[in-house]
Protein backbone atom coordinates (compact mmCIF):
# COMPACT_ATOMS: atom_id res chain seq x y z
CA MET A 1 102.78 105.21 93.71
CA LYS A 2 99.63 106.38 95.54
CA ILE A 3 97.95 105.17 98.74
CA ALA A 4 94.52 105.33 99.80
CA VAL A 5 93.27 105.04 103.27
CA ALA A 6 89.31 104.17 103.77
CA GLN A 7 88.27 105.73 107.13
CA LEU A 8 84.98 104.12 107.59
CA SER A 9 82.82 102.66 110.20
CA SER A 10 81.45 99.06 109.82
CA SER A 11 78.38 97.59 110.89
CA GLU A 12 77.34 94.02 112.23
CA ASN A 13 76.05 93.33 108.61
CA LYS A 14 79.25 91.77 106.87
CA ASN A 15 77.46 92.10 103.25
CA GLU A 16 76.62 95.79 103.88
CA ASN A 17 80.25 96.25 104.77
CA LEU A 18 81.37 94.70 101.56
CA LEU A 19 79.35 96.88 99.56
CA LYS A 20 80.59 100.01 100.99
CA ALA A 21 84.12 98.61 100.68
CA GLU A 22 83.54 98.06 96.94
CA LYS A 23 82.42 101.71 96.49
CA TYR A 24 85.44 103.02 98.24
CA ILE A 25 87.67 100.62 96.09
CA ILE A 26 86.24 102.25 93.04
CA LYS A 27 86.86 105.73 94.53
CA ALA A 28 90.27 104.84 95.27
CA LYS A 29 91.00 103.38 91.79
CA ASN A 30 89.28 106.41 90.11
CA ALA A 31 92.14 108.41 92.02
CA GLN A 32 94.68 105.97 90.38
CA ALA A 33 95.47 104.35 93.88
CA ASP A 34 97.80 101.58 93.76
CA PHE A 35 96.92 100.24 97.51
CA ILE A 36 93.95 100.62 99.67
CA VAL A 37 93.73 99.85 103.33
CA PHE A 38 90.81 99.31 105.55
CA PRO A 39 90.67 99.51 109.44
CA GLU A 40 90.83 96.97 111.90
CA HIS A 41 87.52 94.40 112.28
CA TYR A 42 86.36 95.91 109.06
CA MET A 43 84.89 92.63 108.19
CA ALA A 44 81.95 93.33 111.05
CA SER A 45 82.19 95.90 114.00
CA PHE A 46 81.04 94.92 117.51
CA THR A 47 81.49 97.04 120.38
CA SER A 48 80.14 94.34 122.87
CA PRO A 49 82.58 91.75 124.24
CA LYS A 50 79.80 89.39 124.75
CA VAL A 51 79.45 88.91 120.92
CA ASN A 52 80.59 85.46 119.72
CA ARG A 53 83.78 86.26 117.29
CA SER A 54 83.61 82.43 116.46
CA GLU A 55 80.15 82.67 114.88
CA VAL A 56 81.01 85.56 112.68
CA SER A 57 84.40 84.65 111.86
CA GLU A 58 85.39 83.19 108.36
CA LYS A 59 88.23 81.31 106.93
CA VAL A 60 90.76 83.24 104.80
CA ASP A 61 89.34 81.43 101.81
CA GLY A 62 85.66 82.18 102.82
CA PRO A 63 83.18 84.52 101.31
CA PHE A 64 84.30 87.89 102.76
CA VAL A 65 87.85 87.57 101.70
CA THR A 66 86.75 86.06 98.39
CA GLU A 67 84.76 88.98 97.44
CA LEU A 68 87.71 91.31 98.48
CA CYS A 69 90.09 89.21 95.98
CA ARG A 70 87.49 89.79 93.33
CA MET A 71 87.39 93.65 93.97
CA ALA A 72 91.29 93.65 93.87
CA LYS A 73 91.54 91.77 90.50
CA GLU A 74 88.81 93.89 88.97
CA ASN A 75 90.34 97.28 90.07
CA ASN A 76 93.92 96.19 89.68
CA ILE A 77 94.81 97.45 93.19
CA TYR A 78 96.32 96.05 96.43
CA ILE A 79 93.61 95.81 99.40
CA LEU A 80 94.62 95.52 103.08
CA CYS A 81 91.49 94.61 105.41
CA GLY A 82 90.89 93.60 108.90
CA ILE A 83 88.86 90.36 109.42
CA TYR A 84 87.67 87.96 112.00
CA GLU A 85 89.74 84.85 110.89
CA TYR A 86 88.41 81.42 111.99
CA ALA A 87 90.29 79.77 114.81
CA GLU A 88 89.85 76.04 115.21
CA ASN A 89 88.63 74.45 118.53
CA GLU A 90 87.33 77.85 119.49
CA SER A 91 83.71 78.17 120.65
CA PHE A 92 83.69 81.77 121.15
CA ARG A 93 87.07 83.81 119.96
CA SER A 94 88.62 84.33 116.49
CA TYR A 95 91.96 85.54 115.35
CA ASN A 96 92.20 89.35 114.82
CA SER A 97 93.82 89.46 111.31
CA VAL A 98 94.44 91.46 108.38
CA VAL A 99 94.66 90.11 104.97
CA THR A 100 96.77 91.41 102.13
CA ILE A 101 95.76 91.06 98.56
CA ASN A 102 97.71 91.77 95.58
CA ARG A 103 96.41 93.29 92.33
CA GLU A 104 95.93 89.94 90.64
CA GLY A 105 93.21 89.10 93.69
CA GLU A 106 95.57 86.52 95.26
CA VAL A 107 95.87 86.54 99.33
CA VAL A 108 99.65 87.18 99.79
CA ASP A 109 99.57 87.25 103.74
CA CYS A 110 97.30 87.06 106.32
CA TYR A 111 98.70 88.39 109.73
CA ARG A 112 97.32 87.71 112.91
CA LYS A 113 97.51 90.10 115.81
CA ASN A 114 100.58 89.31 118.13
CA TYR A 115 99.83 91.81 120.87
CA LEU A 116 96.30 91.81 122.29
CA TYR A 117 94.61 95.08 123.81
CA ASP A 118 94.31 94.00 127.32
CA ALA A 119 94.81 97.33 128.82
CA PHE A 120 92.53 100.69 129.58
CA SER A 121 90.06 98.35 131.02
CA ALA A 122 89.74 96.29 128.04
CA LYS A 123 90.49 92.74 127.71
CA GLU A 124 90.91 91.65 124.06
CA SER A 125 92.06 88.44 125.01
CA ASP A 126 88.43 87.32 126.11
CA THR A 127 87.44 87.67 122.24
CA SER A 128 90.57 87.26 120.28
CA VAL A 129 93.10 84.13 119.98
CA LEU A 130 96.77 85.43 120.26
CA GLY A 131 99.00 85.13 117.04
CA SER A 132 102.02 83.41 117.36
CA ALA A 133 103.91 84.19 114.13
CA PRO A 134 106.08 87.28 113.34
CA PRO A 135 104.76 89.91 110.80
CA LYS A 136 105.90 89.03 107.29
CA VAL A 137 107.62 91.65 104.97
CA ILE A 138 105.80 91.71 101.80
CA ASN A 139 107.55 92.19 98.34
CA THR A 140 105.55 94.31 95.97
CA GLU A 141 106.56 96.07 92.51
CA PHE A 142 106.44 99.36 94.60
CA GLY A 143 108.81 98.43 97.55
CA LYS A 144 108.62 96.20 100.71
CA ILE A 145 105.64 96.63 102.98
CA GLY A 146 104.72 95.39 106.21
CA VAL A 147 101.72 95.21 108.64
CA ILE A 148 100.86 95.64 112.24
CA ILE A 149 97.51 95.94 114.02
CA CYS A 150 96.19 98.81 116.24
CA TYR A 151 97.58 97.95 120.08
CA GLU A 152 100.81 97.04 118.52
CA LEU A 153 101.55 100.40 117.45
CA ARG A 154 102.70 100.82 120.98
CA PHE A 155 105.69 98.62 120.83
CA PRO A 156 108.44 99.88 118.84
CA GLU A 157 110.30 96.75 118.62
CA ILE A 158 107.77 95.12 116.12
CA THR A 159 107.61 97.85 113.95
CA ARG A 160 111.71 97.87 114.08
CA TYR A 161 111.68 94.25 113.45
CA LEU A 162 109.82 94.87 110.01
CA THR A 163 112.28 97.50 109.25
CA SER A 164 115.39 95.33 110.10
CA LYS A 165 113.64 92.84 107.48
CA GLY A 166 113.47 95.52 104.69
CA ALA A 167 109.92 96.78 105.18
CA GLU A 168 109.75 100.40 103.68
CA PHE A 169 106.11 101.04 104.22
CA ILE A 170 104.06 100.11 107.51
CA PHE A 171 100.46 99.83 107.23
CA ILE A 172 98.48 99.79 110.63
CA PRO A 173 94.56 99.04 110.58
CA THR A 174 93.16 99.91 113.53
CA ALA A 175 89.88 100.47 115.78
CA TRP A 176 91.73 102.91 118.13
CA LYS A 177 89.49 103.48 121.32
CA ASP A 178 88.84 106.92 122.20
CA GLY A 179 89.27 108.23 125.95
CA ILE A 180 91.66 110.57 128.00
CA LEU A 181 94.68 111.42 125.72
CA LYS A 182 94.17 108.40 123.51
CA GLU A 183 93.87 110.75 120.36
CA HIS A 184 97.12 112.28 121.52
CA HIS A 185 98.97 108.69 121.91
CA TRP A 186 97.52 107.84 118.31
CA ARG A 187 99.19 110.96 116.70
CA THR A 188 102.19 110.72 118.73
CA LEU A 189 103.01 106.77 118.18
CA LEU A 190 102.23 107.24 114.58
CA GLN A 191 104.83 110.10 113.95
CA ALA A 192 107.43 108.29 116.33
CA ARG A 193 107.28 104.88 114.49
CA ALA A 194 108.04 106.82 111.08
CA ILE A 195 110.75 108.95 112.63
CA GLU A 196 112.59 106.38 114.50
CA ASN A 197 112.52 103.78 111.68
CA THR A 198 112.48 106.25 108.68
CA VAL A 199 109.69 104.64 106.92
CA PHE A 200 106.23 105.68 105.74
CA ILE A 201 103.66 104.88 108.14
CA ILE A 202 99.90 104.38 106.89
CA GLY A 203 97.39 104.38 109.95
CA ALA A 204 93.78 103.35 108.82
CA ASP A 205 91.54 103.92 112.03
CA GLN A 206 87.69 103.05 112.17
CA ILE A 207 85.21 105.91 112.95
CA ASP A 208 82.21 105.86 115.50
CA ASN A 209 81.94 102.48 117.64
CA ASN A 210 84.05 104.71 119.91
CA ASN A 211 87.04 105.17 117.71
CA VAL A 212 89.05 108.36 117.32
CA GLY A 213 89.44 108.46 113.36
CA ASN A 214 92.42 110.92 112.39
CA SER A 215 93.54 108.30 110.12
CA MET A 216 96.93 109.52 108.65
CA ILE A 217 99.94 108.96 105.95
CA ILE A 218 103.12 109.80 107.46
CA ASP A 219 106.50 110.36 105.64
CA PRO A 220 109.88 109.08 106.89
CA MET A 221 110.82 112.27 108.54
CA GLY A 222 107.52 112.04 110.43
CA THR A 223 105.51 114.94 108.57
CA PRO A 224 101.64 113.87 107.99
CA ILE A 225 101.11 114.14 104.21
CA ALA A 226 97.72 113.16 104.29
CA GLN A 227 95.06 113.24 107.36
CA ALA A 228 91.28 112.41 107.88
CA GLY A 229 89.20 114.08 110.54
CA GLU A 230 86.26 112.50 112.74
CA GLU A 231 84.03 111.61 109.69
CA GLU A 232 84.15 108.66 106.84
CA ALA A 233 86.57 109.47 104.37
CA LEU A 234 88.93 108.19 101.65
CA ILE A 235 92.44 110.02 101.80
CA VAL A 236 94.58 109.54 99.12
CA SER A 237 98.43 110.43 98.93
CA GLU A 238 101.20 110.30 96.26
CA ILE A 239 104.02 108.66 97.63
CA ASN A 240 107.58 109.77 96.41
CA THR A 241 109.72 106.47 96.75
CA ASN A 242 112.77 108.46 96.64
CA ARG A 243 111.73 110.43 99.78
CA LEU A 244 112.61 107.20 102.10
CA LYS A 245 116.55 107.25 100.35
CA THR A 246 116.64 111.11 100.83
CA VAL A 247 115.74 110.97 104.59
CA ARG A 248 118.05 108.14 105.50
CA LYS A 249 120.90 109.85 104.01
CA LYS A 250 119.89 112.82 106.12
CA LEU A 251 119.12 110.48 109.13
CA PRO A 252 120.95 107.42 108.97
CA SER A 253 119.61 106.22 112.35
CA LEU A 254 119.38 102.68 111.24
CA GLU A 255 122.88 102.54 110.16
CA HIS A 256 123.97 103.71 113.78
CA THR A 257 121.66 101.04 115.78
CA LYS A 258 123.53 98.77 117.94
CA PRO A 259 122.56 95.24 118.29
CA ALA A 260 120.66 94.08 121.22
CA SER A 261 123.41 92.24 122.36
CA PHE A 262 125.45 95.56 123.01
CA TYR A 263 123.23 96.42 125.94
CA GLU A 264 123.70 92.71 127.75
CA SER A 265 125.85 92.55 130.70
């Protein structure tokens, strides 16, 4: 299988972002990719907390995701993309969500971010509604995948939860803000989540809009096998699914994991 990561900036214009998405989906298809993942908030990028997310948001069956479904079917490719999902009874906020679309153009999952970025002087909870459902493991013909979003990378329990449910590939769409040590955190945490769970980690970051870029695909031993820099790019990597079994045979840390109850007094 092949995985493509579209490291892109997005604008406030949703149609403009869709046109760019289609361009990169076609590139990914021409590279024989089976998956393409876009960053968090790719639907429309807003840096100001004063922007009304409710006004730009859409339901999952709205025009933005419907167009992505068409592209997935026409190109026979899985698409994962960050959106502002409409939240009922909200006049300003929306859900920060990622949709997963299969090769037939069907939405198979829409995950709402559970850990909001109220850190480093930011307060995402002012603009986003907290998700309440845990992430799902999604079955594909290539293996089991899971999705987390940006700040959730900092919480090892959520990735371990997905791994405990059988996930072999964790996709992480992000808009990882720059700042002192932030790029170091990004690289370190991506590799840590791969190593401690012996899974493939796929981090897809926005660029511009004060984000760090440096999107990566990392194998279960923590080795980056594809990486972008600071500019817009499509990175594509051939994934040897047998690598998962090989690493877990060498490093059976998941088998050695003790239940949480072991530590209770």
